[in-house]
Amino acid sequence: MLRQAAEAEDMTVSAFILSTVVPRAREVVHRNRDITMSARAYEQFLAELDRPAENVPALLELFSRSYRIQFGES
């Protein structure tokens, strides 16, 4: 079926497949890379960024631990 469709479009099978797959891949990457929000949500987002940071005790404790990372066999 792919070969018939490619021939109907005067394309190779690879070119035919890529002509469909590449635009879809761009759409997926775009959707997962960019954030779209309303003007109101954007204003709220900026307001949250401007708020002073608050201490989160669990995170402070977590980051105060010392870790040793080992690679390979122990």
PDB file of N, CA and C in Angstrom:
ATOM      1  N   MET A   1       0.821  -1.187   0.000  1.00  0.00           N
ATOM      2  CA  MET A   1       0.000   0.000   0.000  1.00  0.00           C
ATOM      3  C   MET A   1       0.874   1.264   0.000  1.00  0.00           C
ATOM      4  N   LEU A   2       1.924   1.255   0.813  1.00  0.00           N
ATOM      5  CA  LEU A   2       2.815   2.421   0.841  1.00  0.00           C
ATOM      6  C   LEU A   2       3.480   2.637  -0.511  1.00  0.00           C
ATOM      7  N   ARG A   3       3.883   1.555  -1.132  1.00  0.00           N
ATOM      8  CA  ARG A   3       4.525   1.668  -2.443  1.00  0.00           C
ATOM      9  C   ARG A   3       3.549   2.246  -3.469  1.00  0.00           C
ATOM     10  N   GLN A   4       2.302   1.780  -3.438  1.00  0.00           N
ATOM     11  CA  GLN A   4       1.290   2.298  -4.370  1.00  0.00           C
ATOM     12  C   GLN A   4       1.031   3.776  -4.142  1.00  0.00           C
ATOM     13  N   ALA A   5       0.932   4.160  -2.876  1.00  0.00           N
ATOM     14  CA  ALA A   5       0.684   5.567  -2.560  1.00  0.00           C
ATOM     15  C   ALA A   5       1.860   6.435  -3.000  1.00  0.00           C
ATOM     16  N   ALA A   6       3.078   5.956  -2.747  1.00  0.00           N
ATOM     17  CA  ALA A   6       4.271   6.702  -3.155  1.00  0.00           C
ATOM     18  C   ALA A   6       4.325   6.855  -4.670  1.00  0.00           C
ATOM     19  N   GLU A   7       4.026   5.779  -5.376  1.00  0.00           N
ATOM     20  CA  GLU A   7       4.017   5.849  -6.845  1.00  0.00           C
ATOM     21  C   GLU A   7       2.956   6.825  -7.339  1.00  0.00           C
ATOM     22  N   ALA A   8       1.796   6.831  -6.680  1.00  0.00           N
ATOM     23  CA  ALA A   8       0.723   7.751  -7.078  1.00  0.00           C
ATOM     24  C   ALA A   8       1.141   9.205  -6.902  1.00  0.00           C
ATOM     25  N   GLU A   9       2.009   9.458  -5.939  1.00  0.00           N
ATOM     26  CA  GLU A   9       2.502  10.818  -5.689  1.00  0.00           C
ATOM     27  C   GLU A   9       3.836  11.070  -6.394  1.00  0.00           C
ATOM     28  N   ASP A  10       4.293  10.097  -7.180  1.00  0.00           N
ATOM     29  CA  ASP A  10       5.577  10.184  -7.890  1.00  0.00           C
ATOM     30  C   ASP A  10       6.726  10.443  -6.909  1.00  0.00           C
ATOM     31  N   MET A  11       6.740   9.639  -5.838  1.00  0.00           N
ATOM     32  CA  MET A  11       7.761   9.762  -4.799  1.00  0.00           C
ATOM     33  C   MET A  11       8.308   8.374  -4.473  1.00  0.00           C
ATOM     34  N   THR A  12       9.485   8.368  -3.846  1.00  0.00           N
ATOM     35  CA  THR A  12       9.973   7.104  -3.306  1.00  0.00           C
ATOM     36  C   THR A  12       9.160   6.801  -2.047  1.00  0.00           C
ATOM     37  N   VAL A  13       9.214   5.545  -1.620  1.00  0.00           N
ATOM     38  CA  VAL A  13       8.497   5.178  -0.392  1.00  0.00           C
ATOM     39  C   VAL A  13       9.047   5.979   0.791  1.00  0.00           C
ATOM     40  N   SER A  14      10.361   6.096   0.870  1.00  0.00           N
ATOM     41  CA  SER A  14      10.972   6.868   1.969  1.00  0.00           C
ATOM     42  C   SER A  14      10.504   8.315   1.964  1.00  0.00           C
ATOM     43  N   ALA A  15      10.514   8.946   0.787  1.00  0.00           N
ATOM     44  CA  ALA A  15      10.081  10.342   0.689  1.00  0.00           C
ATOM     45  C   ALA A  15       8.606  10.475   1.047  1.00  0.00           C
ATOM     46  N   PHE A  16       7.808   9.514   0.613  1.00  0.00           N
ATOM     47  CA  PHE A  16       6.381   9.546   0.929  1.00  0.00           C
ATOM     48  C   PHE A  16       6.162   9.465   2.440  1.00  0.00           C
ATOM     49  N   ILE A  17       6.842   8.525   3.077  1.00  0.00           N
ATOM     50  CA  ILE A  17       6.696   8.367   4.528  1.00  0.00           C
ATOM     51  C   ILE A  17       7.176   9.624   5.250  1.00  0.00           C
ATOM     52  N   LEU A  18       8.342  10.120   4.861  1.00  0.00           N
ATOM     53  CA  LEU A  18       8.875  11.319   5.521  1.00  0.00           C
ATOM     54  C   LEU A  18       7.980  12.535   5.318  1.00  0.00           C
ATOM     55  N   SER A  19       7.324  12.630   4.174  1.00  0.00           N
ATOM     56  CA  SER A  19       6.454  13.786   3.926  1.00  0.00           C
ATOM     57  C   SER A  19       5.277  13.814   4.892  1.00  0.00           C
ATOM     58  N   THR A  20       4.926  12.668   5.441  1.00  0.00           N
ATOM     59  CA  THR A  20       3.846  12.598   6.422  1.00  0.00           C
ATOM     60  C   THR A  20       4.374  12.653   7.845  1.00  0.00           C
ATOM     61  N   VAL A  21       5.479  11.977   8.088  1.00  0.00           N
ATOM     62  CA  VAL A  21       5.996  11.829   9.445  1.00  0.00           C
ATOM     63  C   VAL A  21       6.661  13.106   9.961  1.00  0.00           C
ATOM     64  N   VAL A  22       7.415  13.797   9.132  1.00  0.00           N
ATOM     65  CA  VAL A  22       8.147  14.980   9.588  1.00  0.00           C
ATOM     66  C   VAL A  22       7.201  16.078  10.102  1.00  0.00           C
ATOM     67  N   PRO A  23       6.136  16.442   9.375  1.00  0.00           N
ATOM     68  CA  PRO A  23       5.223  17.450   9.927  1.00  0.00           C
ATOM     69  C   PRO A  23       4.606  17.017  11.267  1.00  0.00           C
ATOM     70  N   ARG A  24       4.280  15.743  11.385  1.00  0.00           N
ATOM     71  CA  ARG A  24       3.720  15.242  12.649  1.00  0.00           C
ATOM     72  C   ARG A  24       4.752  15.317  13.764  1.00  0.00           C
ATOM     73  N   ALA A  25       6.004  14.990  13.468  1.00  0.00           N
ATOM     74  CA  ALA A  25       7.074  15.070  14.466  1.00  0.00           C
ATOM     75  C   ALA A  25       7.260  16.509  14.924  1.00  0.00           C
ATOM     76  N   ARG A  26       7.214  17.460  13.977  1.00  0.00           N
ATOM     77  CA  ARG A  26       7.327  18.876  14.350  1.00  0.00           C
ATOM     78  C   ARG A  26       6.203  19.280  15.298  1.00  0.00           C
ATOM     79  N   GLU A  27       4.997  18.830  14.991  1.00  0.00           N
ATOM     80  CA  GLU A  27       3.832  19.140  15.825  1.00  0.00           C
ATOM     81  C   GLU A  27       4.017  18.603  17.243  1.00  0.00           C
ATOM     82  N   VAL A  28       4.476  17.368  17.361  1.00  0.00           N
ATOM     83  CA  VAL A  28       4.678  16.755  18.677  1.00  0.00           C
ATOM     84  C   VAL A  28       5.755  17.492  19.457  1.00  0.00           C
ATOM     85  N   VAL A  29       6.884  17.791  18.806  1.00  0.00           N
ATOM     86  CA  VAL A  29       7.969  18.504  19.473  1.00  0.00           C
ATOM     87  C   VAL A  29       7.497  19.893  19.905  1.00  0.00           C
ATOM     88  N   HIS A  30       6.808  20.592  19.022  1.00  0.00           N
ATOM     89  CA  HIS A  30       6.302  21.928  19.332  1.00  0.00           C
ATOM     90  C   HIS A  30       5.351  21.884  20.526  1.00  0.00           C
ATOM     91  N   ARG A  31       4.432  20.929  20.527  1.00  0.00           N
ATOM     92  CA  ARG A  31       3.443  20.822  21.595  1.00  0.00           C
ATOM     93  C   ARG A  31       4.099  20.525  22.939  1.00  0.00           C
ATOM     94  N   ASN A  32       5.192  19.780  22.932  1.00  0.00           N
ATOM     95  CA  ASN A  32       5.850  19.403  24.173  1.00  0.00           C
ATOM     96  C   ASN A  32       6.963  20.357  24.585  1.00  0.00           C
ATOM     97  N   ARG A  33       7.303  21.302  23.721  1.00  0.00           N
ATOM     98  CA  ARG A  33       8.361  22.255  24.031  1.00  0.00           C
ATOM     99  C   ARG A  33       7.805  23.594  24.482  1.00  0.00           C
ATOM    100  N   ASP A  34       6.757  24.042  23.845  1.00  0.00           N
ATOM    101  CA  ASP A  34       6.210  25.364  24.113  1.00  0.00           C
ATOM    102  C   ASP A  34       5.052  25.290  25.088  1.00  0.00           C
ATOM    103  N   ILE A  35       4.924  26.329  25.876  1.00  0.00           N
ATOM    104  CA  ILE A  35       3.815  26.441  26.822  1.00  0.00           C
ATOM    105  C   ILE A  35       2.887  27.531  26.304  1.00  0.00           C
ATOM    106  N   THR A  36       1.628  27.198  26.181  1.00  0.00           N
ATOM    107  CA  THR A  36       0.637  28.174  25.731  1.00  0.00           C
ATOM    108  C   THR A  36      -0.311  28.450  26.882  1.00  0.00           C
ATOM    109  N   MET A  37      -0.529  29.716  27.158  1.00  0.00           N
ATOM    110  CA  MET A  37      -1.446  30.082  28.239  1.00  0.00           C
ATOM    111  C   MET A  37      -2.131  31.397  27.907  1.00  0.00           C
ATOM    112  N   SER A  38      -3.228  31.618  28.587  1.00  0.00           N
ATOM    113  CA  SER A  38      -3.973  32.855  28.378  1.00  0.00           C
ATOM    114  C   SER A  38      -3.191  34.027  28.976  1.00  0.00           C
ATOM    115  N   ALA A  39      -3.589  35.225  28.625  1.00  0.00           N
ATOM    116  CA  ALA A  39      -2.950  36.427  29.170  1.00  0.00           C
ATOM    117  C   ALA A  39      -3.102  36.459  30.691  1.00  0.00           C
ATOM    118  N   ARG A  40      -4.271  36.061  31.166  1.00  0.00           N
ATOM    119  CA  ARG A  40      -4.507  36.056  32.624  1.00  0.00           C
ATOM    120  C   ARG A  40      -3.589  35.049  33.319  1.00  0.00           C
ATOM    121  N   ALA A  41      -3.491  33.865  32.759  1.00  0.00           N
ATOM    122  CA  ALA A  41      -2.618  32.846  33.343  1.00  0.00           C
ATOM    123  C   ALA A  41      -1.163  33.312  33.308  1.00  0.00           C
ATOM    124  N   TYR A  42      -0.769  33.997  32.241  1.00  0.00           N
ATOM    125  CA  TYR A  42       0.596  34.513  32.141  1.00  0.00           C
ATOM    126  C   TYR A  42       0.868  35.545  33.222  1.00  0.00           C
ATOM    127  N   GLU A  43      -0.090  36.431  33.457  1.00  0.00           N
ATOM    128  CA  GLU A  43       0.065  37.436  34.517  1.00  0.00           C
ATOM    129  C   GLU A  43       0.192  36.769  35.884  1.00  0.00           C
ATOM    130  N   GLN A  44      -0.601  35.732  36.125  1.00  0.00           N
ATOM    131  CA  GLN A  44      -0.510  34.995  37.386  1.00  0.00           C
ATOM    132  C   GLN A  44       0.844  34.296  37.510  1.00  0.00           C
ATOM    133  N   PHE A  45       1.307  33.749  36.411  1.00  0.00           N
ATOM    134  CA  PHE A  45       2.607  33.088  36.388  1.00  0.00           C
ATOM    135  C   PHE A  45       3.718  34.072  36.754  1.00  0.00           C
ATOM    136  N   LEU A  46       3.699  35.246  36.151  1.00  0.00           N
ATOM    137  CA  LEU A  46       4.709  36.258  36.454  1.00  0.00           C
ATOM    138  C   LEU A  46       4.623  36.705  37.910  1.00  0.00           C
ATOM    139  N   ALA A  47       3.403  36.854  38.412  1.00  0.00           N
ATOM    140  CA  ALA A  47       3.231  37.256  39.815  1.00  0.00           C
ATOM    141  C   ALA A  47       3.836  36.207  40.749  1.00  0.00           C
ATOM    142  N   GLU A  48       3.643  34.939  40.435  1.00  0.00           N
ATOM    143  CA  GLU A  48       4.225  33.873  41.263  1.00  0.00           C
ATOM    144  C   GLU A  48       5.746  33.899  41.202  1.00  0.00           C
ATOM    145  N   LEU A  49       6.304  34.178  40.044  1.00  0.00           N
ATOM    146  CA  LEU A  49       7.762  34.264  39.920  1.00  0.00           C
ATOM    147  C   LEU A  49       8.325  35.429  40.727  1.00  0.00           C
ATOM    148  N   ASP A  50       7.555  36.516  40.852  1.00  0.00           N
ATOM    149  CA  ASP A  50       8.009  37.697  41.561  1.00  0.00           C
ATOM    150  C   ASP A  50       7.884  37.573  43.079  1.00  0.00           C
ATOM    151  N   ARG A  51       7.104  36.591  43.545  1.00  0.00           N
ATOM    152  CA  ARG A  51       6.945  36.402  44.994  1.00  0.00           C
ATOM    153  C   ARG A  51       8.252  35.948  45.612  1.00  0.00           C
ATOM    154  N   PRO A  52       8.519  36.404  46.844  1.00  0.00           N
ATOM    155  CA  PRO A  52       9.738  35.929  47.517  1.00  0.00           C
ATOM    156  C   PRO A  52       9.680  34.411  47.719  1.00  0.00           C
ATOM    157  N   ALA A  53      10.840  33.789  47.652  1.00  0.00           N
ATOM    158  CA  ALA A  53      10.915  32.344  47.845  1.00  0.00           C
ATOM    159  C   ALA A  53      10.587  31.997  49.295  1.00  0.00           C
ATOM    160  N   GLU A  54       9.998  30.836  49.477  1.00  0.00           N
ATOM    161  CA  GLU A  54       9.694  30.345  50.815  1.00  0.00           C
ATOM    162  C   GLU A  54      10.527  29.092  51.069  1.00  0.00           C
ATOM    163  N   ASN A  55      10.969  28.929  52.303  1.00  0.00           N
ATOM    164  CA  ASN A  55      11.689  27.721  52.664  1.00  0.00           C
ATOM    165  C   ASN A  55      10.717  26.550  52.745  1.00  0.00           C
ATOM    166  N   VAL A  56      11.134  25.443  52.195  1.00  0.00           N
ATOM    167  CA  VAL A  56      10.364  24.199  52.298  1.00  0.00           C
ATOM    168  C   VAL A  56      11.239  23.261  53.115  1.00  0.00           C
ATOM    169  N   PRO A  57      10.885  23.044  54.395  1.00  0.00           N
ATOM    170  CA  PRO A  57      11.755  22.265  55.281  1.00  0.00           C
ATOM    171  C   PRO A  57      12.199  20.921  54.702  1.00  0.00           C
ATOM    172  N   ALA A  58      11.312  20.192  54.060  1.00  0.00           N
ATOM    173  CA  ALA A  58      11.688  18.885  53.509  1.00  0.00           C
ATOM    174  C   ALA A  58      12.755  19.030  52.427  1.00  0.00           C
ATOM    175  N   LEU A  59      12.660  20.074  51.613  1.00  0.00           N
ATOM    176  CA  LEU A  59      13.675  20.285  50.577  1.00  0.00           C
ATOM    177  C   LEU A  59      15.000  20.739  51.192  1.00  0.00           C
ATOM    178  N   LEU A  60      14.926  21.604  52.199  1.00  0.00           N
ATOM    179  CA  LEU A  60      16.156  22.038  52.867  1.00  0.00           C
ATOM    180  C   LEU A  60      16.893  20.836  53.455  1.00  0.00           C
ATOM    181  N   GLU A  61      16.143  19.934  54.069  1.00  0.00           N
ATOM    182  CA  GLU A  61      16.743  18.738  54.663  1.00  0.00           C
ATOM    183  C   GLU A  61      17.333  17.846  53.575  1.00  0.00           C
ATOM    184  N   LEU A  62      16.609  17.681  52.492  1.00  0.00           N
ATOM    185  CA  LEU A  62      17.073  16.846  51.394  1.00  0.00           C
ATOM    186  C   LEU A  62      18.379  17.372  50.811  1.00  0.00           C
ATOM    187  N   PHE A  63      18.446  18.670  50.572  1.00  0.00           N
ATOM    188  CA  PHE A  63      19.638  19.253  49.960  1.00  0.00           C
ATOM    189  C   PHE A  63      20.807  19.366  50.929  1.00  0.00           C
ATOM    190  N   SER A  64      20.548  19.230  52.221  1.00  0.00           N
ATOM    191  CA  SER A  64      21.642  19.303  53.184  1.00  0.00           C
ATOM    192  C   SER A  64      22.355  17.959  53.317  1.00  0.00           C
ATOM    193  N   ARG A  65      21.763  16.880  52.803  1.00  0.00           N
ATOM    194  CA  ARG A  65      22.382  15.551  52.856  1.00  0.00           C
ATOM    195  C   ARG A  65      23.572  15.500  51.907  1.00  0.00           C
ATOM    196  N   SER A  66      24.524  14.683  52.274  1.00  0.00           N
ATOM    197  CA  SER A  66      25.629  14.503  51.342  1.00  0.00           C
ATOM    198  C   SER A  66      25.478  13.136  50.687  1.00  0.00           C
ATOM    199  N   TYR A  67      25.660  13.127  49.401  1.00  0.00           N
ATOM    200  CA  TYR A  67      25.477  11.914  48.620  1.00  0.00           C
ATOM    201  C   TYR A  67      26.785  11.515  47.975  1.00  0.00           C
ATOM    202  N   ARG A  68      26.938  10.239  47.810  1.00  0.00           N
ATOM    203  CA  ARG A  68      28.098   9.711  47.102  1.00  0.00           C
ATOM    204  C   ARG A  68      27.567   8.920  45.919  1.00  0.00           C
ATOM    205  N   ILE A  69      27.978   9.301  44.759  1.00  0.00           N
ATOM    206  CA  ILE A  69      27.519   8.617  43.549  1.00  0.00           C
ATOM    207  C   ILE A  69      28.612   7.660  43.101  1.00  0.00           C
ATOM    208  N   GLN A  70      28.215   6.402  42.910  1.00  0.00           N
ATOM    209  CA  GLN A  70      29.156   5.406  42.431  1.00  0.00           C
ATOM    210  C   GLN A  70      28.705   4.896  41.078  1.00  0.00           C
ATOM    211  N   PHE A  71      29.647   4.674  40.225  1.00  0.00           N
ATOM    212  CA  PHE A  71      29.369   4.105  38.910  1.00  0.00           C
ATOM    213  C   PHE A  71      30.041   2.736  38.828  1.00  0.00           C
ATOM    214  N   GLY A  72      29.400   1.830  38.169  1.00  0.00           N
ATOM    215  CA  GLY A  72      29.971   0.497  38.016  1.00  0.00           C
ATOM    216  C   GLY A  72      29.676  -0.366  39.232  1.00  0.00           C
ATOM    217  N   GLU A  73      30.485  -1.407  39.383  1.00  0.00           N
ATOM    218  CA  GLU A  73      30.272  -2.332  40.500  1.00  0.00           C
ATOM    219  C   GLU A  73      30.838  -1.761  41.786  1.00  0.00           C
ATOM    220  N   SER A  74      30.193  -2.105  42.920  1.00  0.00           N
ATOM    221  CA  SER A  74      30.686  -1.600  44.205  1.00  0.00           C
ATOM    222  C   SER A  74      31.722  -2.513  44.797  1.00  0.00           C
TER     223      SER A  74
END
